[in-house]
Amino acid sequence: MAGISDKRHSALDRTFSEDIQEQPDRPFRDLLGQHIRVTSVYLLSDSEAARWLELSRNIDDAFLEKFDTVISECKQSGQWKKFRDQVAQHLRESETKTILARQFSSESPDDDDG
């Protein structure tokens, strides 16, 4: 992830692991949203941070299912960099799809009524 040092990744991991341990009754989805919001603060690009903030408000079952394997691995290891990297990749792919969809929809074929 651009702009986040290994030291910062370690701090984010530690904070998130502590949040999970200290708030066992809080829904994991809420904790994950909080972690994504906190991560967004450390991103260099405002547009990237905005996408992370938007994602933090829209964590749904589909998102949790998509990232289920990496979430399980990260819960066991206590290291969440892999999760953050996969979220960043997911957001980049989503942005690319959105851009391509906009380009495709703006390139409507000429009507040839003849």
C-alpha atoms as a PDB file:
ATOM      1  CA  MET A   1       0.000   0.000   0.000  1.00  0.00           C
ATOM      2  CA  ALA A   2       1.373   3.332  -1.028  1.00  0.00           C
ATOM      3  CA  GLY A   3       2.676   5.492   1.736  1.00  0.00           C
ATOM      4  CA  ILE A   4       2.241   3.227   4.748  1.00  0.00           C
ATOM      5  CA  SER A   5       5.515   2.210   6.360  1.00  0.00           C
ATOM      6  CA  ASP A   6       6.134  -1.188   7.936  1.00  0.00           C
ATOM      7  CA  LYS A   7       6.256   0.536  11.320  1.00  0.00           C
ATOM      8  CA  ARG A   8       2.799   2.032  10.721  1.00  0.00           C
ATOM      9  CA  HIS A   9       1.474  -1.365   9.560  1.00  0.00           C
ATOM     10  CA  SER A  10       2.717  -2.860  12.839  1.00  0.00           C
ATOM     11  CA  ALA A  11       1.008  -0.099  14.824  1.00  0.00           C
ATOM     12  CA  LEU A  12      -2.248  -0.621  12.916  1.00  0.00           C
ATOM     13  CA  ASP A  13      -2.031  -4.386  13.554  1.00  0.00           C
ATOM     14  CA  ARG A  14      -1.425  -3.874  17.257  1.00  0.00           C
ATOM     15  CA  THR A  15      -4.273  -1.380  17.617  1.00  0.00           C
ATOM     16  CA  PHE A  16      -6.743  -3.544  15.725  1.00  0.00           C
ATOM     17  CA  SER A  17      -5.786  -6.693  17.657  1.00  0.00           C
ATOM     18  CA  GLU A  18      -6.259  -4.772  20.911  1.00  0.00           C
ATOM     19  CA  ASP A  19      -9.668  -3.508  19.753  1.00  0.00           C
ATOM     20  CA  ILE A  20     -10.762  -7.073  18.980  1.00  0.00           C
ATOM     21  CA  GLN A  21      -9.611  -8.314  22.399  1.00  0.00           C
ATOM     22  CA  GLU A  22     -10.988  -5.378  24.381  1.00  0.00           C
ATOM     23  CA  GLN A  23     -14.394  -5.322  22.666  1.00  0.00           C
ATOM     24  CA  PRO A  24     -15.392  -8.978  22.281  1.00  0.00           C
ATOM     25  CA  ASP A  25     -19.117  -8.139  22.317  1.00  0.00           C
ATOM     26  CA  ARG A  26     -18.870  -5.554  19.545  1.00  0.00           C
ATOM     27  CA  PRO A  27     -19.835  -6.939  16.117  1.00  0.00           C
ATOM     28  CA  PHE A  28     -16.739  -7.763  14.083  1.00  0.00           C
ATOM     29  CA  ARG A  29     -18.198  -5.891  11.104  1.00  0.00           C
ATOM     30  CA  ASP A  30     -18.142  -2.688  13.196  1.00  0.00           C
ATOM     31  CA  LEU A  31     -14.573  -3.324  14.313  1.00  0.00           C
ATOM     32  CA  LEU A  32     -13.526  -3.937  10.720  1.00  0.00           C
ATOM     33  CA  GLY A  33     -15.190  -0.696   9.616  1.00  0.00           C
ATOM     34  CA  GLN A  34     -13.347   1.162  12.359  1.00  0.00           C
ATOM     35  CA  HIS A  35     -10.045  -0.407  11.287  1.00  0.00           C
ATOM     36  CA  ILE A  36     -10.630   0.616   7.661  1.00  0.00           C
ATOM     37  CA  ARG A  37     -11.437   4.191   8.783  1.00  0.00           C
ATOM     38  CA  VAL A  38      -8.267   4.355  10.891  1.00  0.00           C
ATOM     39  CA  THR A  39      -6.225   2.988   7.974  1.00  0.00           C
ATOM     40  CA  SER A  40      -7.632   5.681   5.686  1.00  0.00           C
ATOM     41  CA  VAL A  41      -6.021   8.367   7.849  1.00  0.00           C
ATOM     42  CA  TYR A  42      -2.548   7.115   6.880  1.00  0.00           C
ATOM     43  CA  LEU A  43      -3.063   6.994   3.113  1.00  0.00           C
ATOM     44  CA  LEU A  44      -1.270   9.655   1.088  1.00  0.00           C
ATOM     45  CA  SER A  45      -3.887  10.115  -1.602  1.00  0.00           C
ATOM     46  CA  ASP A  46      -7.087  11.933  -0.611  1.00  0.00           C
ATOM     47  CA  SER A  47      -9.035  10.044  -3.265  1.00  0.00           C
ATOM     48  CA  GLU A  48      -7.759   6.708  -1.951  1.00  0.00           C
ATOM     49  CA  ALA A  49      -8.607   7.732   1.624  1.00  0.00           C
ATOM     50  CA  ALA A  50     -12.107   8.727   0.481  1.00  0.00           C
ATOM     51  CA  ARG A  51     -12.652   5.299  -1.097  1.00  0.00           C
ATOM     52  CA  TRP A  52     -11.539   3.605   2.131  1.00  0.00           C
ATOM     53  CA  LEU A  53     -13.897   5.789   4.183  1.00  0.00           C
ATOM     54  CA  GLU A  54     -16.783   4.988   1.843  1.00  0.00           C
ATOM     55  CA  LEU A  55     -15.989   1.284   2.118  1.00  0.00           C
ATOM     56  CA  SER A  56     -15.906   1.505   5.933  1.00  0.00           C
ATOM     57  CA  ARG A  57     -19.547   2.609   5.869  1.00  0.00           C
ATOM     58  CA  ASN A  58     -20.651  -0.168   3.510  1.00  0.00           C
ATOM     59  CA  ILE A  59     -19.280  -3.414   4.883  1.00  0.00           C
ATOM     60  CA  ASP A  60     -21.869  -5.996   3.933  1.00  0.00           C
ATOM     61  CA  ASP A  61     -22.120  -9.779   3.865  1.00  0.00           C
ATOM     62  CA  ALA A  62     -20.734  -9.934   0.322  1.00  0.00           C
ATOM     63  CA  PHE A  63     -17.623  -8.023   1.437  1.00  0.00           C
ATOM     64  CA  LEU A  64     -17.152 -10.304   4.443  1.00  0.00           C
ATOM     65  CA  GLU A  65     -17.571 -13.396   2.248  1.00  0.00           C
ATOM     66  CA  LYS A  66     -15.087 -12.107  -0.340  1.00  0.00           C
ATOM     67  CA  PHE A  67     -12.446 -11.520   2.337  1.00  0.00           C
ATOM     68  CA  ASP A  68     -13.381 -14.430   4.629  1.00  0.00           C
ATOM     69  CA  THR A  69     -10.188 -16.426   4.074  1.00  0.00           C
ATOM     70  CA  VAL A  70      -7.796 -13.517   4.571  1.00  0.00           C
ATOM     71  CA  ILE A  71      -9.767 -12.277   7.596  1.00  0.00           C
ATOM     72  CA  SER A  72      -9.453 -15.726   9.197  1.00  0.00           C
ATOM     73  CA  GLU A  73      -5.709 -15.827   8.490  1.00  0.00           C
ATOM     74  CA  CYS A  74      -5.209 -12.336   9.883  1.00  0.00           C
ATOM     75  CA  LYS A  75      -7.251 -13.032  13.011  1.00  0.00           C
ATOM     76  CA  GLN A  76      -4.972 -15.981  13.760  1.00  0.00           C
ATOM     77  CA  SER A  77      -1.714 -14.171  13.038  1.00  0.00           C
ATOM     78  CA  GLY A  78      -2.698 -10.766  14.426  1.00  0.00           C
ATOM     79  CA  GLN A  79      -1.138  -9.191  11.326  1.00  0.00           C
ATOM     80  CA  TRP A  80      -3.601  -7.368   9.077  1.00  0.00           C
ATOM     81  CA  LYS A  81      -1.301  -6.024   6.331  1.00  0.00           C
ATOM     82  CA  LYS A  82      -2.386  -8.796   3.961  1.00  0.00           C
ATOM     83  CA  PHE A  83      -6.018  -7.805   4.521  1.00  0.00           C
ATOM     84  CA  ARG A  84      -5.241  -4.122   3.923  1.00  0.00           C
ATOM     85  CA  ASP A  85      -3.316  -5.034   0.759  1.00  0.00           C
ATOM     86  CA  GLN A  86      -6.255  -7.069  -0.549  1.00  0.00           C
ATOM     87  CA  VAL A  87      -8.718  -4.278   0.271  1.00  0.00           C
ATOM     88  CA  ALA A  88      -6.481  -1.813  -1.603  1.00  0.00           C
ATOM     89  CA  GLN A  89      -6.397  -4.178  -4.597  1.00  0.00           C
ATOM     90  CA  HIS A  90     -10.195  -4.596  -4.430  1.00  0.00           C
ATOM     91  CA  LEU A  91     -10.683  -0.825  -4.413  1.00  0.00           C
ATOM     92  CA  ARG A  92      -8.310  -0.346  -7.366  1.00  0.00           C
ATOM     93  CA  GLU A  93     -10.168  -3.006  -9.366  1.00  0.00           C
ATOM     94  CA  SER A  94     -13.536  -1.466  -8.476  1.00  0.00           C
ATOM     95  CA  GLU A  95     -12.335   1.963  -9.544  1.00  0.00           C
ATOM     96  CA  THR A  96     -11.058   0.580 -12.857  1.00  0.00           C
ATOM     97  CA  LYS A  97     -14.404  -1.129 -13.506  1.00  0.00           C
ATOM     98  CA  THR A  98     -16.255   2.107 -12.715  1.00  0.00           C
ATOM     99  CA  ILE A  99     -14.046   4.115 -15.084  1.00  0.00           C
ATOM    100  CA  LEU A 100     -14.476   1.553 -17.861  1.00  0.00           C
ATOM    101  CA  ALA A 101     -18.248   1.473 -17.333  1.00  0.00           C
ATOM    102  CA  ARG A 102     -18.406   5.274 -17.593  1.00  0.00           C
ATOM    103  CA  GLN A 103     -16.332   5.245 -20.780  1.00  0.00           C
ATOM    104  CA  PHE A 104     -18.474   2.511 -22.293  1.00  0.00           C
ATOM    105  CA  SER A 105     -21.749   4.244 -21.456  1.00  0.00           C
ATOM    106  CA  SER A 106     -20.517   7.584 -22.846  1.00  0.00           C
ATOM    107  CA  GLU A 107     -19.500   5.946 -26.126  1.00  0.00           C
ATOM    108  CA  SER A 108     -23.024   5.176 -27.310  1.00  0.00           C
ATOM    109  CA  PRO A 109     -23.216   4.032 -30.914  1.00  0.00           C
ATOM    110  CA  ASP A 110     -24.422   6.496 -33.520  1.00  0.00           C
ATOM    111  CA  ASP A 111     -28.087   6.154 -34.317  1.00  0.00           C
ATOM    112  CA  ASP A 112     -28.362   5.447 -38.038  1.00  0.00           C
ATOM    113  CA  ASP A 113     -31.965   6.099 -38.907  1.00  0.00           C
ATOM    114  CA  GLY A 114     -30.936   6.507 -42.498  1.00  0.00           C
END
